[in-house]
Amino acid sequence: SGVLAVELLTPGPYQPGLRWRETRKMFGMKATEEMM
């Protein structure tokens, strides 16, 4: 419920090296982080 959007940056299955951007609402503001 805290995640507003997800953008996959690398194709393929869940494994080391998979990257995505995750946008959440934190402290009343939208924040996007790149996760790996």
PDB file of all heavy atoms in Angstrom:
ATOM      1  N   SER A   1       0.812  -1.222   0.000  1.00  0.00           N
ATOM      2  CA  SER A   1       0.000   0.000   0.000  1.00  0.00           C
ATOM      3  C   SER A   1       0.846   1.273   0.000  1.00  0.00           C
ATOM      4  O   SER A   1       0.370   2.316  -0.439  1.00  0.00           O
ATOM      5  CB  SER A   1      -0.964  -0.015   1.188  1.00  0.00           C
ATOM      6  OG  SER A   1      -0.266  -0.162   2.409  1.00  0.00           O
ATOM      7  N   GLY A   2       2.095   1.196   0.452  1.00  0.00           N
ATOM      8  CA  GLY A   2       2.955   2.373   0.466  1.00  0.00           C
ATOM      9  C   GLY A   2       3.670   2.639  -0.845  1.00  0.00           C
ATOM     10  O   GLY A   2       4.296   3.678  -1.018  1.00  0.00           O
ATOM     11  N   VAL A   3       3.587   1.715  -1.794  1.00  0.00           N
ATOM     12  CA  VAL A   3       4.269   1.877  -3.084  1.00  0.00           C
ATOM     13  C   VAL A   3       3.278   2.401  -4.112  1.00  0.00           C
ATOM     14  O   VAL A   3       2.233   1.809  -4.341  1.00  0.00           O
ATOM     15  CB  VAL A   3       4.902   0.544  -3.549  1.00  0.00           C
ATOM     16  CG1 VAL A   3       5.481   0.673  -4.951  1.00  0.00           C
ATOM     17  CG2 VAL A   3       5.985   0.105  -2.574  1.00  0.00           C
ATOM     18  N   LEU A   4       3.628   3.510  -4.739  1.00  0.00           N
ATOM     19  CA  LEU A   4       2.759   4.134  -5.736  1.00  0.00           C
ATOM     20  C   LEU A   4       3.029   3.617  -7.144  1.00  0.00           C
ATOM     21  O   LEU A   4       2.114   3.522  -7.955  1.00  0.00           O
ATOM     22  CB  LEU A   4       2.948   5.651  -5.712  1.00  0.00           C
ATOM     23  CG  LEU A   4       2.685   6.336  -4.366  1.00  0.00           C
ATOM     24  CD1 LEU A   4       3.059   7.807  -4.444  1.00  0.00           C
ATOM     25  CD2 LEU A   4       1.239   6.156  -3.951  1.00  0.00           C
ATOM     26  N   ALA A   5       4.305   3.308  -7.444  1.00  0.00           N
ATOM     27  CA  ALA A   5       4.670   2.862  -8.793  1.00  0.00           C
ATOM     28  C   ALA A   5       5.972   2.081  -8.758  1.00  0.00           C
ATOM     29  O   ALA A   5       6.805   2.294  -7.881  1.00  0.00           O
ATOM     30  CB  ALA A   5       4.820   4.061  -9.730  1.00  0.00           C
ATOM     31  N   VAL A   6       6.122   1.197  -9.735  1.00  0.00           N
ATOM     32  CA  VAL A   6       7.345   0.409  -9.921  1.00  0.00           C
ATOM     33  C   VAL A   6       7.710   0.459 -11.398  1.00  0.00           C
ATOM     34  O   VAL A   6       6.849   0.279 -12.257  1.00  0.00           O
ATOM     35  CB  VAL A   6       7.139  -1.065  -9.488  1.00  0.00           C
ATOM     36  CG1 VAL A   6       8.336  -1.909  -9.880  1.00  0.00           C
ATOM     37  CG2 VAL A   6       6.880  -1.163  -7.998  1.00  0.00           C
ATOM     38  N   GLU A   7       8.987   0.703 -11.672  1.00  0.00           N
ATOM     39  CA  GLU A   7       9.495   0.689 -13.046  1.00  0.00           C
ATOM     40  C   GLU A   7      10.694  -0.255 -13.093  1.00  0.00           C
ATOM     41  O   GLU A   7      11.735   0.031 -12.478  1.00  0.00           O
ATOM     42  CB  GLU A   7       9.932   2.092 -13.465  1.00  0.00           C
ATOM     43  CG  GLU A   7      10.563   2.151 -14.828  1.00  0.00           C
ATOM     44  CD  GLU A   7      11.233   3.487 -15.127  1.00  0.00           C
ATOM     45  OE1 GLU A   7      11.221   4.398 -14.284  1.00  0.00           O
ATOM     46  OE2 GLU A   7      11.793   3.588 -16.241  1.00  0.00           O
ATOM     47  N   LEU A   8      10.548  -1.380 -13.776  1.00  0.00           N
ATOM     48  CA  LEU A   8      11.660  -2.316 -13.919  1.00  0.00           C
ATOM     49  C   LEU A   8      12.728  -1.702 -14.820  1.00  0.00           C
ATOM     50  O   LEU A   8      12.406  -1.157 -15.872  1.00  0.00           O
ATOM     51  CB  LEU A   8      11.191  -3.638 -14.505  1.00  0.00           C
ATOM     52  CG  LEU A   8      10.407  -4.535 -13.548  1.00  0.00           C
ATOM     53  CD1 LEU A   8       9.844  -5.733 -14.280  1.00  0.00           C
ATOM     54  CD2 LEU A   8      11.272  -4.971 -12.389  1.00  0.00           C
ATOM     55  N   LEU A   9      13.980  -1.796 -14.396  1.00  0.00           N
ATOM     56  CA  LEU A   9      15.092  -1.247 -15.169  1.00  0.00           C
ATOM     57  C   LEU A   9      15.894  -2.330 -15.878  1.00  0.00           C
ATOM     58  O   LEU A   9      16.622  -2.029 -16.826  1.00  0.00           O
ATOM     59  CB  LEU A   9      16.017  -0.436 -14.250  1.00  0.00           C
ATOM     60  CG  LEU A   9      15.351   0.739 -13.544  1.00  0.00           C
ATOM     61  CD1 LEU A   9      16.322   1.392 -12.565  1.00  0.00           C
ATOM     62  CD2 LEU A   9      14.831   1.762 -14.546  1.00  0.00           C
ATOM     63  N   THR A  10      15.795  -3.564 -15.395  1.00  0.00           N
ATOM     64  CA  THR A  10      16.468  -4.687 -16.038  1.00  0.00           C
ATOM     65  C   THR A  10      15.444  -5.786 -16.272  1.00  0.00           C
ATOM     66  O   THR A  10      14.579  -6.020 -15.431  1.00  0.00           O
ATOM     67  CB  THR A  10      17.637  -5.230 -15.181  1.00  0.00           C
ATOM     68  OG1 THR A  10      17.143  -5.567 -13.890  1.00  0.00           O
ATOM     69  CG2 THR A  10      18.748  -4.223 -15.053  1.00  0.00           C
ATOM     70  N   PRO A  11      15.538  -6.468 -17.398  1.00  0.00           N
ATOM     71  CA  PRO A  11      14.599  -7.556 -17.673  1.00  0.00           C
ATOM     72  C   PRO A  11      15.023  -8.828 -16.940  1.00  0.00           C
ATOM     73  O   PRO A  11      16.151  -8.938 -16.461  1.00  0.00           O
ATOM     74  CB  PRO A  11      14.722  -7.744 -19.186  1.00  0.00           C
ATOM     75  CG  PRO A  11      16.136  -7.336 -19.485  1.00  0.00           C
ATOM     76  CD  PRO A  11      16.455  -6.233 -18.505  1.00  0.00           C
ATOM     77  N   GLY A  12      14.107  -9.760 -16.869  1.00  0.00           N
ATOM     78  CA  GLY A  12      14.454 -11.077 -16.359  1.00  0.00           C
ATOM     79  C   GLY A  12      13.871 -11.379 -15.000  1.00  0.00           C
ATOM     80  O   GLY A  12      13.136 -10.572 -14.423  1.00  0.00           O
ATOM     81  N   PRO A  13      14.232 -12.568 -14.494  1.00  0.00           N
ATOM     82  CA  PRO A  13      13.669 -13.033 -13.226  1.00  0.00           C
ATOM     83  C   PRO A  13      14.299 -12.324 -12.027  1.00  0.00           C
ATOM     84  O   PRO A  13      15.296 -11.610 -12.159  1.00  0.00           O
ATOM     85  CB  PRO A  13      14.019 -14.526 -13.220  1.00  0.00           C
ATOM     86  CG  PRO A  13      15.291 -14.597 -14.011  1.00  0.00           C
ATOM     87  CD  PRO A  13      15.139 -13.543 -15.088  1.00  0.00           C
ATOM     88  N   TYR A  14      13.717 -12.585 -10.865  1.00  0.00           N
ATOM     89  CA  TYR A  14      14.252 -12.048  -9.611  1.00  0.00           C
ATOM     90  C   TYR A  14      15.558 -12.777  -9.314  1.00  0.00           C
ATOM     91  O   TYR A  14      15.568 -13.981  -9.051  1.00  0.00           O
ATOM     92  CB  TYR A  14      13.248 -12.270  -8.477  1.00  0.00           C
ATOM     93  CG  TYR A  14      13.656 -11.565  -7.202  1.00  0.00           C
ATOM     94  CD1 TYR A  14      13.194 -10.282  -6.938  1.00  0.00           C
ATOM     95  CD2 TYR A  14      14.497 -12.170  -6.286  1.00  0.00           C
ATOM     96  CE1 TYR A  14      13.564  -9.620  -5.786  1.00  0.00           C
ATOM     97  CE2 TYR A  14      14.874 -11.514  -5.139  1.00  0.00           C
ATOM     98  CZ  TYR A  14      14.413 -10.239  -4.888  1.00  0.00           C
ATOM     99  OH  TYR A  14      14.792  -9.588  -3.743  1.00  0.00           O
ATOM    100  N   GLN A  15      16.654 -12.037  -9.393  1.00  0.00           N
ATOM    101  CA  GLN A  15      17.980 -12.589  -9.137  1.00  0.00           C
ATOM    102  C   GLN A  15      18.935 -11.427  -8.885  1.00  0.00           C
ATOM    103  O   GLN A  15      18.589 -10.273  -9.149  1.00  0.00           O
ATOM    104  CB  GLN A  15      18.455 -13.412 -10.335  1.00  0.00           C
ATOM    105  CG  GLN A  15      18.621 -12.594 -11.597  1.00  0.00           C
ATOM    106  CD  GLN A  15      18.957 -13.460 -12.801  1.00  0.00           C
ATOM    107  OE1 GLN A  15      18.906 -14.670 -12.748  1.00  0.00           O
ATOM    108  NE2 GLN A  15      19.295 -12.816 -13.903  1.00  0.00           N
ATOM    109  N   PRO A  16      20.144 -11.710  -8.367  1.00  0.00           N
ATOM    110  CA  PRO A  16      21.099 -10.623  -8.158  1.00  0.00           C
ATOM    111  C   PRO A  16      21.318  -9.829  -9.433  1.00  0.00           C
ATOM    112  O   PRO A  16      21.421 -10.393 -10.525  1.00  0.00           O
ATOM    113  CB  PRO A  16      22.375 -11.365  -7.718  1.00  0.00           C
ATOM    114  CG  PRO A  16      21.851 -12.593  -7.023  1.00  0.00           C
ATOM    115  CD  PRO A  16      20.644 -12.993  -7.859  1.00  0.00           C
ATOM    116  N   GLY A  17      21.324  -8.507  -9.277  1.00  0.00           N
ATOM    117  CA  GLY A  17      21.481  -7.606 -10.419  1.00  0.00           C
ATOM    118  C   GLY A  17      20.180  -7.007 -10.912  1.00  0.00           C
ATOM    119  O   GLY A  17      20.204  -5.996 -11.615  1.00  0.00           O
ATOM    120  N   LEU A  18      19.027  -7.612 -10.551  1.00  0.00           N
ATOM    121  CA  LEU A  18      17.739  -7.040 -10.957  1.00  0.00           C
ATOM    122  C   LEU A  18      17.616  -5.651 -10.343  1.00  0.00           C
ATOM    123  O   LEU A  18      17.848  -5.464  -9.149  1.00  0.00           O
ATOM    124  CB  LEU A  18      16.579  -7.919 -10.485  1.00  0.00           C
ATOM    125  CG  LEU A  18      15.184  -7.396 -10.864  1.00  0.00           C
ATOM    126  CD1 LEU A  18      14.942  -7.540 -12.364  1.00  0.00           C
ATOM    127  CD2 LEU A  18      14.111  -8.124 -10.078  1.00  0.00           C
ATOM    128  N   ARG A  19      17.240  -4.667 -11.174  1.00  0.00           N
ATOM    129  CA  ARG A  19      17.103  -3.280 -10.711  1.00  0.00           C
ATOM    130  C   ARG A  19      15.728  -2.744 -11.074  1.00  0.00           C
ATOM    131  O   ARG A  19      15.175  -3.085 -12.116  1.00  0.00           O
ATOM    132  CB  ARG A  19      18.182  -2.403 -11.350  1.00  0.00           C
ATOM    133  CG  ARG A  19      19.578  -2.736 -10.904  1.00  0.00           C
ATOM    134  CD  ARG A  19      20.684  -1.871 -11.546  1.00  0.00           C
ATOM    135  NE  ARG A  19      20.247  -0.591 -12.057  1.00  0.00           N
ATOM    136  CZ  ARG A  19      20.252  -0.250 -13.352  1.00  0.00           C
ATOM    137  NH1 ARG A  19      20.634  -1.091 -14.277  1.00  0.00           N
ATOM    138  NH2 ARG A  19      19.855   0.941 -13.724  1.00  0.00           N
ATOM    139  N   TRP A  20      15.209  -1.857 -10.201  1.00  0.00           N
ATOM    140  CA  TRP A  20      13.938  -1.201 -10.457  1.00  0.00           C
ATOM    141  C   TRP A  20      13.894   0.112  -9.699  1.00  0.00           C
ATOM    142  O   TRP A  20      14.650   0.348  -8.772  1.00  0.00           O
ATOM    143  CB  TRP A  20      12.764  -2.097 -10.081  1.00  0.00           C
ATOM    144  CG  TRP A  20      12.579  -2.336  -8.605  1.00  0.00           C
ATOM    145  CD1 TRP A  20      11.746  -1.664  -7.751  1.00  0.00           C
ATOM    146  CD2 TRP A  20      13.236  -3.329  -7.796  1.00  0.00           C
ATOM    147  NE1 TRP A  20      11.848  -2.171  -6.478  1.00  0.00           N
ATOM    148  CE2 TRP A  20      12.748  -3.196  -6.489  1.00  0.00           C
ATOM    149  CE3 TRP A  20      14.188  -4.309  -8.060  1.00  0.00           C
ATOM    150  CZ2 TRP A  20      13.188  -4.002  -5.436  1.00  0.00           C
ATOM    151  CZ3 TRP A  20      14.625  -5.108  -7.026  1.00  0.00           C
ATOM    152  CH2 TRP A  20      14.122  -4.949  -5.736  1.00  0.00           C
ATOM    153  N   ARG A  21      12.989   0.983 -10.155  1.00  0.00           N
ATOM    154  CA  ARG A  21      12.697   2.223  -9.436  1.00  0.00           C
ATOM    155  C   ARG A  21      11.368   2.027  -8.721  1.00  0.00           C
ATOM    156  O   ARG A  21      10.401   1.544  -9.320  1.00  0.00           O
ATOM    157  CB  ARG A  21      12.596   3.409 -10.392  1.00  0.00           C
ATOM    158  CG  ARG A  21      13.914   3.921 -10.834  1.00  0.00           C
ATOM    159  CD  ARG A  21      13.793   5.288 -11.540  1.00  0.00           C
ATOM    160  NE  ARG A  21      15.023   5.573 -12.230  1.00  0.00           N
ATOM    161  CZ  ARG A  21      15.242   5.365 -13.527  1.00  0.00           C
ATOM    162  NH1 ARG A  21      14.270   4.910 -14.289  1.00  0.00           N
ATOM    163  NH2 ARG A  21      16.409   5.625 -14.058  1.00  0.00           N
ATOM    164  N   GLU A  22      11.361   2.423  -7.470  1.00  0.00           N
ATOM    165  CA  GLU A  22      10.168   2.277  -6.647  1.00  0.00           C
ATOM    166  C   GLU A  22       9.794   3.654  -6.123  1.00  0.00           C
ATOM    167  O   GLU A  22      10.628   4.338  -5.531  1.00  0.00           O
ATOM    168  CB  GLU A  22      10.497   1.331  -5.485  1.00  0.00           C
ATOM    169  CG  GLU A  22       9.354   0.990  -4.603  1.00  0.00           C
ATOM    170  CD  GLU A  22       9.769  -0.053  -3.576  1.00  0.00           C
ATOM    171  OE1 GLU A  22       9.903  -1.234  -3.956  1.00  0.00           O
ATOM    172  OE2 GLU A  22       9.969   0.327  -2.414  1.00  0.00           O
ATOM    173  N   THR A  23       8.558   4.067  -6.360  1.00  0.00           N
ATOM    174  CA  THR A  23       8.079   5.359  -5.879  1.00  0.00           C
ATOM    175  C   THR A  23       7.132   5.123  -4.723  1.00  0.00           C
ATOM    176  O   THR A  23       6.163   4.363  -4.839  1.00  0.00           O
ATOM    177  CB  THR A  23       7.360   6.145  -6.998  1.00  0.00           C
ATOM    178  OG1 THR A  23       8.276   6.329  -8.089  1.00  0.00           O
ATOM    179  CG2 THR A  23       6.878   7.503  -6.504  1.00  0.00           C
ATOM    180  N   ARG A  24       7.431   5.769  -3.594  1.00  0.00           N
ATOM    181  CA  ARG A  24       6.628   5.669  -2.379  1.00  0.00           C
ATOM    182  C   ARG A  24       6.250   7.063  -1.912  1.00  0.00           C
ATOM    183  O   ARG A  24       6.885   8.040  -2.267  1.00  0.00           O
ATOM    184  CB  ARG A  24       7.438   5.034  -1.237  1.00  0.00           C
ATOM    185  CG  ARG A  24       7.686   3.568  -1.382  1.00  0.00           C
ATOM    186  CD  ARG A  24       8.485   3.071  -0.180  1.00  0.00           C
ATOM    187  NE  ARG A  24       8.619   1.643  -0.204  1.00  0.00           N
ATOM    188  CZ  ARG A  24       7.885   0.812   0.525  1.00  0.00           C
ATOM    189  NH1 ARG A  24       6.996   1.279   1.370  1.00  0.00           N
ATOM    190  NH2 ARG A  24       8.052  -0.489   0.435  1.00  0.00           N
ATOM    191  N   LYS A  25       5.261   7.093  -1.060  1.00  0.00           N
ATOM    192  CA  LYS A  25       4.940   8.332  -0.374  1.00  0.00           C
ATOM    193  C   LYS A  25       5.530   8.213   1.029  1.00  0.00           C
ATOM    194  O   LYS A  25       5.147   7.337   1.802  1.00  0.00           O
ATOM    195  CB  LYS A  25       3.435   8.560  -0.311  1.00  0.00           C
ATOM    196  CG  LYS A  25       3.059   9.944   0.141  1.00  0.00           C
ATOM    197  CD  LYS A  25       1.617  10.266  -0.153  1.00  0.00           C
ATOM    198  CE  LYS A  25       1.386  11.739   0.102  1.00  0.00           C
ATOM    199  NZ  LYS A  25       0.030  12.128  -0.243  1.00  0.00           N
ATOM    200  N   MET A  26       6.504   9.054   1.327  1.00  0.00           N
ATOM    201  CA  MET A  26       7.170   9.069   2.630  1.00  0.00           C
ATOM    202  C   MET A  26       7.214  10.501   3.139  1.00  0.00           C
ATOM    203  O   MET A  26       7.534  11.415   2.381  1.00  0.00           O
ATOM    204  CB  MET A  26       8.602   8.526   2.524  1.00  0.00           C
ATOM    205  CG  MET A  26       8.706   7.047   2.206  1.00  0.00           C
ATOM    206  SD  MET A  26       8.221   5.969   3.546  1.00  0.00           S
ATOM    207  CE  MET A  26       9.525   6.234   4.715  1.00  0.00           C
ATOM    208  N   PHE A  27       6.905  10.671   4.400  1.00  0.00           N
ATOM    209  CA  PHE A  27       6.924  11.998   5.017  1.00  0.00           C
ATOM    210  C   PHE A  27       6.050  12.983   4.243  1.00  0.00           C
ATOM    211  O   PHE A  27       6.378  14.151   4.111  1.00  0.00           O
ATOM    212  CB  PHE A  27       8.355  12.534   5.139  1.00  0.00           C
ATOM    213  CG  PHE A  27       9.310  11.576   5.788  1.00  0.00           C
ATOM    214  CD1 PHE A  27      10.308  10.956   5.045  1.00  0.00           C
ATOM    215  CD2 PHE A  27       9.190  11.258   7.128  1.00  0.00           C
ATOM    216  CE1 PHE A  27      11.180  10.063   5.638  1.00  0.00           C
ATOM    217  CE2 PHE A  27      10.065  10.364   7.724  1.00  0.00           C
ATOM    218  CZ  PHE A  27      11.055   9.766   6.987  1.00  0.00           C
ATOM    219  N   GLY A  28       4.949  12.471   3.677  1.00  0.00           N
ATOM    220  CA  GLY A  28       4.007  13.312   2.959  1.00  0.00           C
ATOM    221  C   GLY A  28       4.443  13.696   1.556  1.00  0.00           C
ATOM    222  O   GLY A  28       3.781  14.495   0.904  1.00  0.00           O
ATOM    223  N   MET A  29       5.576  13.148   1.089  1.00  0.00           N
ATOM    224  CA  MET A  29       6.076  13.491  -0.240  1.00  0.00           C
ATOM    225  C   MET A  29       6.358  12.215  -1.027  1.00  0.00           C
ATOM    226  O   MET A  29       6.625  11.175  -0.449  1.00  0.00           O
ATOM    227  CB  MET A  29       7.375  14.293  -0.136  1.00  0.00           C
ATOM    228  CG  MET A  29       7.230  15.612   0.605  1.00  0.00           C
ATOM    229  SD  MET A  29       8.805  16.501   0.715  1.00  0.00           S
ATOM    230  CE  MET A  29       9.803  15.380   1.673  1.00  0.00           C
ATOM    231  N   LYS A  30       6.322  12.333  -2.363  1.00  0.00           N
ATOM    232  CA  LYS A  30       6.716  11.214  -3.214  1.00  0.00           C
ATOM    233  C   LYS A  30       8.236  11.131  -3.234  1.00  0.00           C
ATOM    234  O   LYS A  30       8.917  12.156  -3.357  1.00  0.00           O
ATOM    235  CB  LYS A  30       6.219  11.409  -4.645  1.00  0.00           C
ATOM    236  CG  LYS A  30       4.758  11.128  -4.836  1.00  0.00           C
ATOM    237  CD  LYS A  30       4.430  11.234  -6.312  1.00  0.00           C
ATOM    238  CE  LYS A  30       2.949  11.079  -6.554  1.00  0.00           C
ATOM    239  NZ  LYS A  30       2.630  11.207  -7.981  1.00  0.00           N
ATOM    240  N   ALA A  31       8.737   9.915  -3.131  1.00  0.00           N
ATOM    241  CA  ALA A  31      10.178   9.690  -3.226  1.00  0.00           C
ATOM    242  C   ALA A  31      10.409   8.462  -4.098  1.00  0.00           C
ATOM    243  O   ALA A  31       9.740   7.448  -3.924  1.00  0.00           O
ATOM    244  CB  ALA A  31      10.774   9.472  -1.842  1.00  0.00           C
ATOM    245  N   THR A  32      11.330   8.578  -5.036  1.00  0.00           N
ATOM    246  CA  THR A  32      11.659   7.472  -5.919  1.00  0.00           C
ATOM    247  C   THR A  32      13.088   7.041  -5.643  1.00  0.00           C
ATOM    248  O   THR A  32      13.996   7.875  -5.632  1.00  0.00           O
ATOM    249  CB  THR A  32      11.497   7.871  -7.398  1.00  0.00           C
ATOM    250  OG1 THR A  32      10.143   8.275  -7.609  1.00  0.00           O
ATOM    251  CG2 THR A  32      11.833   6.719  -8.329  1.00  0.00           C
ATOM    252  N   GLU A  33      13.261   5.756  -5.418  1.00  0.00           N
ATOM    253  CA  GLU A  33      14.580   5.179  -5.151  1.00  0.00           C
ATOM    254  C   GLU A  33      14.854   4.087  -6.168  1.00  0.00           C
ATOM    255  O   GLU A  33      13.944   3.355  -6.555  1.00  0.00           O
ATOM    256  CB  GLU A  33      14.636   4.567  -3.747  1.00  0.00           C
ATOM    257  CG  GLU A  33      14.387   5.539  -2.622  1.00  0.00           C
ATOM    258  CD  GLU A  33      15.491   6.572  -2.444  1.00  0.00           C
ATOM    259  OE1 GLU A  33      16.637   6.315  -2.866  1.00  0.00           O
ATOM    260  OE2 GLU A  33      15.196   7.637  -1.891  1.00  0.00           O
ATOM    261  N   GLU A  34      16.109   3.971  -6.570  1.00  0.00           N
ATOM    262  CA  GLU A  34      16.515   2.858  -7.419  1.00  0.00           C
ATOM    263  C   GLU A  34      16.980   1.723  -6.516  1.00  0.00           C
ATOM    264  O   GLU A  34      17.842   1.915  -5.665  1.00  0.00           O
ATOM    265  CB  GLU A  34      17.628   3.269  -8.370  1.00  0.00           C
ATOM    266  CG  GLU A  34      17.968   2.167  -9.347  1.00  0.00           C
ATOM    267  CD  GLU A  34      18.926   2.605 -10.436  1.00  0.00           C
ATOM    268  OE1 GLU A  34      18.698   3.676 -11.030  1.00  0.00           O
ATOM    269  OE2 GLU A  34      19.888   1.858 -10.692  1.00  0.00           O
ATOM    270  N   MET A  35      16.372   0.566  -6.685  1.00  0.00           N
ATOM    271  CA  MET A  35      16.645  -0.595  -5.852  1.00  0.00           C
ATOM    272  C   MET A  35      17.353  -1.656  -6.694  1.00  0.00           C
ATOM    273  O   MET A  35      17.178  -1.701  -7.913  1.00  0.00           O
ATOM    274  CB  MET A  35      15.333  -1.189  -5.336  1.00  0.00           C
ATOM    275  CG  MET A  35      14.290  -0.175  -4.904  1.00  0.00           C
ATOM    276  SD  MET A  35      14.653   0.569  -3.347  1.00  0.00           S
ATOM    277  CE  MET A  35      14.018  -0.691  -2.286  1.00  0.00           C
ATOM    278  N   MET A  36      18.128  -2.513  -6.002  1.00  0.00           N
ATOM    279  CA  MET A  36      18.806  -3.599  -6.692  1.00  0.00           C
ATOM    280  C   MET A  36      18.875  -4.823  -5.788  1.00  0.00           C
ATOM    281  O   MET A  36      19.131  -4.709  -4.584  1.00  0.00           O
ATOM    282  CB  MET A  36      20.218  -3.200  -7.090  1.00  0.00           C
ATOM    283  CG  MET A  36      20.910  -4.279  -7.917  1.00  0.00           C
ATOM    284  SD  MET A  36      22.623  -3.881  -8.340  1.00  0.00           S
ATOM    285  CE  MET A  36      23.439  -4.302  -6.828  1.00  0.00           C
TER     286      MET A  36
END
